Protein backbone atom coordinates (compact mmCIF):
# COMPACT_ATOMS: atom_id res chain seq x y z
CA UNK A 1 -75.38 25.08 -28.71
CA UNK A 2 -72.16 26.80 -29.83
CA UNK A 3 -72.15 28.84 -26.51
CA UNK A 4 -72.61 25.55 -24.57
CA UNK A 5 -69.70 23.97 -26.45
CA UNK A 6 -67.50 27.02 -25.90
CA UNK A 7 -68.36 27.01 -22.21
CA UNK A 8 -67.52 23.37 -21.87
CA UNK A 9 -64.14 23.84 -23.63
CA UNK A 10 -63.29 26.76 -21.40
CA UNK A 11 -64.09 24.71 -18.22
CA UNK A 12 -61.98 21.89 -19.51
CA UNK A 13 -59.06 24.26 -20.15
CA UNK A 14 -59.31 25.71 -16.63
CA UNK A 15 -59.42 22.22 -15.14
CA UNK A 16 -56.49 20.96 -17.20
CA UNK A 17 -54.44 24.08 -16.22
CA UNK A 18 -55.30 23.61 -12.64
CA UNK A 19 -54.39 19.91 -12.77
CA UNK A 20 -50.99 20.74 -14.39
CA UNK A 21 -50.32 23.46 -11.76
CA UNK A 22 -51.05 21.06 -8.92
CA UNK A 23 -48.71 18.37 -10.40
CA UNK A 24 -45.88 20.84 -10.45
CA UNK A 25 -46.25 21.97 -6.90
CA UNK A 26 -47.75 18.89 -5.18
CA UNK A 27 -45.18 17.67 -2.62
CA UNK A 28 -46.46 14.12 -3.00
CA UNK A 29 -45.94 13.81 -6.71
CA UNK A 30 -42.83 16.02 -6.98
CA UNK A 31 -40.24 14.65 -4.51
CA UNK A 32 -37.72 17.22 -3.26
CA UNK A 33 -34.04 16.15 -3.38
CA UNK A 34 -32.49 15.71 0.06
CA UNK A 35 -29.99 18.33 1.13
CA UNK A 36 -26.45 16.84 1.30
CA UNK A 37 -25.23 16.71 4.83
CA UNK A 38 -21.52 16.74 3.94
CA UNK A 39 -20.92 14.09 6.58
CA UNK A 40 -18.34 11.41 5.86
CA UNK A 41 -20.00 8.10 6.88
CA UNK A 42 -17.47 5.83 5.21
CA UNK A 43 -16.14 4.34 8.44
CA UNK A 44 -19.52 4.07 10.28
CA UNK A 45 -20.85 2.27 7.19
CA UNK A 46 -18.12 -0.34 7.48
CA UNK A 47 -18.49 -0.52 11.28
CA UNK A 48 -22.30 -0.94 10.94
CA UNK A 49 -21.87 -3.82 8.44
CA UNK A 50 -19.17 -5.38 10.60
CA UNK A 51 -17.11 -6.17 7.59
CA UNK A 52 -14.72 -4.66 4.92
CA UNK A 53 -15.29 -5.97 1.42
CA UNK A 54 -11.93 -6.24 -0.41
CA UNK A 55 -11.85 -6.33 -4.17
CA UNK A 56 -8.95 -8.29 -5.71
CA UNK A 57 -7.60 -10.12 -8.67
CA UNK A 58 -7.48 -13.69 -7.32
CA UNK A 59 -4.89 -14.78 -9.86
CA UNK A 60 -2.12 -12.41 -8.75
CA UNK A 61 0.37 -14.63 -6.89
CA UNK A 62 1.82 -14.21 -4.34
CA UNK A 63 -0.36 -11.22 -3.24
CA UNK A 64 -3.72 -12.86 -3.60
CA UNK A 65 -4.41 -16.12 -5.51
CA UNK A 66 -6.09 -19.57 -5.29
CA UNK A 67 -4.36 -22.75 -4.30
CA UNK A 68 -5.19 -25.98 -6.28
CA UNK A 69 -7.83 -26.64 -3.69
CA UNK A 70 -9.42 -23.22 -4.30
CA UNK A 71 -8.31 -21.67 -1.10
CA UNK A 72 -7.64 -17.92 -1.27
CA UNK A 73 -4.10 -17.18 0.08
CA UNK A 74 -1.33 -14.57 -0.30
CA UNK A 75 0.66 -11.80 1.29
CA UNK A 76 -2.11 -9.22 0.87
CA UNK A 77 -4.72 -11.70 2.06
CA UNK A 78 -2.84 -12.23 5.37
CA UNK A 79 -2.08 -8.54 5.73
CA UNK A 80 -5.71 -7.49 5.15
CA UNK A 81 -6.92 -9.96 7.75
CA UNK A 82 -4.49 -8.50 10.24
CA UNK A 83 -5.55 -4.95 9.52
CA UNK A 84 -9.24 -6.03 9.76
CA UNK A 85 -8.47 -7.58 13.16
CA UNK A 86 -6.91 -4.32 14.24
CA UNK A 87 -10.03 -2.39 13.02
CA UNK A 88 -12.31 -4.84 14.72
CA UNK A 89 -14.16 -5.93 11.51
CA UNK A 90 -14.31 -9.12 9.40
CA UNK A 91 -12.65 -8.96 5.94
CA UNK A 92 -14.63 -10.41 3.05
CA UNK A 93 -12.72 -11.01 -0.21
CA UNK A 94 -14.43 -10.46 -3.54
CA UNK A 95 -12.64 -11.44 -6.77
CA UNK A 96 -13.15 -8.77 -9.52
CA UNK A 97 -12.03 -8.18 -13.10
CA UNK A 98 -9.02 -6.02 -12.52
CA UNK A 99 -9.72 -3.87 -15.63
CA UNK A 100 -13.07 -2.92 -13.99
CA UNK A 101 -11.83 -2.28 -10.54
CA UNK A 102 -12.74 1.41 -10.46
CA UNK A 103 -16.34 0.60 -11.61
CA UNK A 104 -16.62 -2.03 -8.84
CA UNK A 105 -15.45 0.46 -6.33
CA UNK A 106 -17.58 3.38 -7.41
CA UNK A 107 -20.63 1.14 -7.68
CA UNK A 108 -20.05 0.18 -4.01
CA UNK A 109 -19.82 -3.48 -4.83
CA UNK A 110 -16.57 -3.40 -2.86
CA UNK A 111 -15.19 -1.15 -0.13
CA UNK A 112 -11.51 -1.16 -1.03
CA UNK A 113 -9.18 -2.37 -3.71
CA UNK A 114 -6.35 -4.34 -2.10
CA UNK A 115 -4.19 -6.69 -4.07
CA UNK A 116 -0.73 -5.49 -5.09
CA UNK A 117 -2.23 -2.26 -6.45
CA UNK A 118 0.48 0.26 -7.43
CA UNK A 119 0.44 3.90 -6.68
CA UNK A 120 0.15 5.95 -9.86
CA UNK A 121 -0.78 9.62 -10.54
CA UNK A 122 -3.84 8.48 -12.47
CA UNK A 123 -5.05 6.43 -9.50
CA UNK A 124 -4.37 9.30 -7.12
CA UNK A 125 -6.80 11.38 -9.14
CA UNK A 126 -9.57 8.69 -9.08
CA UNK A 127 -9.25 7.31 -5.63
CA UNK A 128 -8.19 7.86 -2.06
CA UNK A 129 -4.90 5.96 -1.62
CA UNK A 130 -3.50 4.63 1.61
CA UNK A 131 0.07 5.08 2.73
CA UNK A 132 2.41 2.95 0.69
CA UNK A 133 3.14 -0.34 2.54
CA UNK A 134 5.22 -2.42 0.17
CA UNK A 135 8.18 -1.77 -2.28
CA UNK A 136 8.09 -3.49 -5.61
CA UNK A 137 9.40 -2.78 -9.09
CA UNK A 138 8.37 -3.48 -12.73
CA UNK A 139 10.67 -6.03 -14.34
CA UNK A 140 11.35 -7.69 -17.65
CA UNK A 141 10.90 -11.45 -17.40
CA UNK A 142 12.08 -13.82 -20.12
CA UNK A 143 12.79 -17.53 -20.55
CA UNK A 144 16.28 -18.38 -19.15
CA UNK A 145 17.59 -19.64 -22.42
CA UNK A 146 16.47 -16.37 -24.19
CA UNK A 147 17.56 -13.65 -21.80
CA UNK A 148 17.19 -9.92 -22.28
CA UNK A 149 19.33 -7.42 -20.34
CA UNK A 150 17.98 -4.01 -21.21
CA UNK A 151 14.78 -2.20 -22.31
CA UNK A 152 16.36 -1.40 -25.71
CA UNK A 153 16.49 -5.14 -26.38
CA UNK A 154 12.64 -5.22 -26.33
CA UNK A 155 12.47 -3.46 -29.63
CA UNK A 156 11.14 -5.85 -32.28
CA UNK A 157 10.14 -8.47 -29.72
CA UNK A 158 6.70 -9.81 -28.79
CA UNK A 159 5.98 -8.57 -25.26
CA UNK A 160 3.00 -9.21 -22.86
CA UNK A 161 1.74 -7.43 -19.74
CA UNK A 162 -1.55 -7.19 -17.76
CA UNK A 163 -4.25 -4.77 -18.99
CA UNK A 164 -4.99 -1.81 -16.74
CA UNK A 165 -1.90 -2.64 -14.58
CA UNK A 166 0.76 -0.36 -13.14
CA UNK A 167 3.19 -2.15 -15.48
CA UNK A 168 1.21 -1.04 -18.50
CA UNK A 169 1.12 2.58 -17.18
CA UNK A 170 4.87 2.69 -16.61
CA UNK A 171 5.54 1.23 -20.01
CA UNK A 172 3.32 3.81 -21.68
CA UNK A 173 5.16 6.55 -19.84
CA UNK A 174 8.60 5.33 -20.70
CA UNK A 175 10.64 6.65 -23.57
CA UNK A 176 10.86 3.22 -25.08
CA UNK A 177 7.06 2.81 -25.45
CA UNK A 178 6.85 4.21 -29.08
CA UNK A 179 9.45 1.70 -30.17
CA UNK A 180 7.78 -1.41 -28.64
CA UNK A 181 4.11 -0.64 -28.75
CA UNK A 182 3.52 -2.65 -32.00
CA UNK A 183 4.83 -5.78 -30.32
CA UNK A 184 2.95 -5.16 -26.94
CA UNK A 185 -0.01 -7.40 -26.06
CA UNK A 186 -2.36 -6.84 -23.14
CA UNK A 187 -3.69 -9.82 -21.19
CA UNK A 188 -6.46 -10.12 -18.61
CA UNK A 189 -4.05 -11.62 -16.15
CA UNK A 190 -0.30 -12.00 -15.75
CA UNK A 191 -0.81 -15.75 -15.71
CA UNK A 192 -2.05 -15.76 -19.24
CA UNK A 193 0.88 -13.65 -20.38
CA UNK A 194 3.38 -16.01 -18.68
CA UNK A 195 1.71 -19.06 -20.24
CA UNK A 196 2.28 -17.43 -23.70
CA UNK A 197 5.93 -16.82 -22.67
CA UNK A 198 6.26 -20.52 -21.71
CA UNK A 199 4.75 -21.44 -25.11
CA UNK A 200 7.17 -19.31 -26.98
CA UNK A 201 4.50 -16.94 -28.32
CA UNK A 202 6.08 -14.10 -26.32
CA UNK A 203 9.78 -13.05 -25.92
CA UNK A 204 9.14 -11.24 -22.69
CA UNK A 205 6.62 -10.32 -20.01
CA UNK A 206 6.76 -6.89 -18.20
CA UNK A 207 5.57 -7.76 -14.76
CA UNK A 208 5.52 -6.83 -11.04
CA UNK A 209 8.75 -8.11 -9.51
CA UNK A 210 6.86 -9.96 -6.70
CA UNK A 211 4.73 -11.89 -9.17
CA UNK A 212 7.62 -12.75 -11.47
CA UNK A 213 9.87 -13.82 -8.62
CA UNK A 214 7.17 -15.97 -7.23
CA UNK A 215 6.59 -17.69 -10.51
CA UNK A 216 10.38 -18.25 -10.81
CA UNK A 217 10.45 -20.12 -7.47
CA UNK A 218 7.76 -22.51 -8.79
CA UNK A 219 9.74 -23.34 -11.96
CA UNK A 220 13.42 -23.09 -10.92
CA UNK A 221 15.87 -22.30 -13.73
CA UNK A 222 13.04 -21.53 -16.15
CA UNK A 223 13.10 -17.72 -16.12
CA UNK A 224 15.51 -14.85 -16.18
CA UNK A 225 15.12 -11.14 -15.35
CA UNK A 226 16.77 -8.24 -17.11
CA UNK A 227 19.29 -6.19 -15.20
CA UNK A 228 17.38 -3.07 -16.23
CA UNK A 229 13.85 -2.54 -15.03
CA UNK A 230 11.02 0.06 -15.38
CA UNK A 231 11.46 1.55 -11.89
CA UNK A 232 10.04 1.63 -8.46
CA UNK A 233 6.48 0.50 -7.72
CA UNK A 234 4.83 1.16 -4.43
CA UNK A 235 1.77 -0.78 -3.31
CA UNK A 236 -1.24 0.93 -1.76
CA UNK A 237 -4.88 0.35 -0.90
CA UNK A 238 -7.60 2.12 -2.94
CA UNK A 239 -10.81 3.70 -1.62
CA UNK A 240 -13.54 5.97 -2.99
CA UNK A 241 -12.72 9.69 -3.27
CA UNK A 242 -14.02 11.63 -0.27
CA UNK A 243 -14.04 8.61 2.10
CA UNK A 244 -11.39 10.20 4.35
CA UNK A 245 -12.74 8.62 7.58
CA UNK A 246 -12.15 5.11 6.20
CA UNK A 247 -8.79 6.17 4.80
CA UNK A 248 -7.66 7.43 8.28
CA UNK A 249 -8.94 4.24 9.88
CA UNK A 250 -7.06 2.00 7.52
CA UNK A 251 -3.85 3.96 7.68
CA UNK A 252 -3.93 3.90 11.49
CA UNK A 253 -4.58 0.11 11.58
CA UNK A 254 -1.92 -0.49 8.90
CA UNK A 255 0.62 1.50 10.91
CA UNK A 256 -0.23 -0.52 14.05
CA UNK A 257 0.25 -3.89 12.20
CA UNK A 258 3.57 -2.67 10.82
CA UNK A 259 4.73 -1.27 14.16
CA UNK A 260 3.85 -4.51 15.98
CA UNK A 261 6.08 -6.60 13.61
CA UNK A 262 3.17 -8.62 12.30
CA UNK A 263 3.50 -7.20 8.70
CA UNK A 264 7.27 -8.09 8.69
CA UNK A 265 6.37 -11.62 9.90
CA UNK A 266 3.93 -11.99 6.96
CA UNK A 267 6.55 -10.69 4.55
CA UNK A 268 9.11 -13.12 5.69
CA UNK A 269 6.68 -16.07 5.35
CA UNK A 270 5.93 -15.14 1.76
CA UNK A 271 9.27 -13.72 0.44
CA UNK A 272 11.95 -14.77 2.90
CA UNK A 273 12.69 -11.19 3.60
CA UNK A 274 11.07 -7.99 4.96
CA UNK A 275 9.79 -5.88 2.08
CA UNK A 276 7.33 -3.86 4.17
CA UNK A 277 7.76 -0.07 4.13
CA UNK A 278 7.93 2.00 7.27
């Protein structure tokens, strides 16, 4: 009996070992990872879909925002449509949380980030960036009856800006940052920051010039801007790292729209002057 039991156990061991060996080498149960081709299909992917999905903050007037009727309008909206037409694809706009823009891009929920996005060293590391197409600056915006002239006057004040914005990055890189950080609040949107400025909860908002100037046209004589600002701010379009074919296609189309005068026409419609870079 003991011999029989020993034989049975030995056979089971052999069977189990054989089964384990088959599982490790069986091509059906052990899929082999595909070899990377190294081919850049970023443009053929867009071309095949027939559309370019643009991620944007739809509260950033006048670059991309909603009218009271809910229509999406703005300088970047018109420019993106013109570039899409040049590329031969439809442009689909998808509102995103600006603070999560890189996640949306990397997760392929959008194809590009295009909405007054500033060129920064950090973004250059994370994304492919188009040629700069628009010249902006980061300014200090206050109520007209409580003006501020210089950055030094921000010390001890309550200040607002948009989270994950170029404005926040230039503030953090500025020598004044350590002196104003305790009074600096981050908002999901510039609109929320400006509402707190209007309500007297903030003394100043550090904001993209185009956004601040546009808000000033809507409420004449309400706001003032400091004579000193936080420097130049160039707008670009963001794509996933490695998608060089799409980058080249967008740069070529952007150049064509600028060379034709269409981009200048759009700028004049929104700002009354040509702010497009060449």
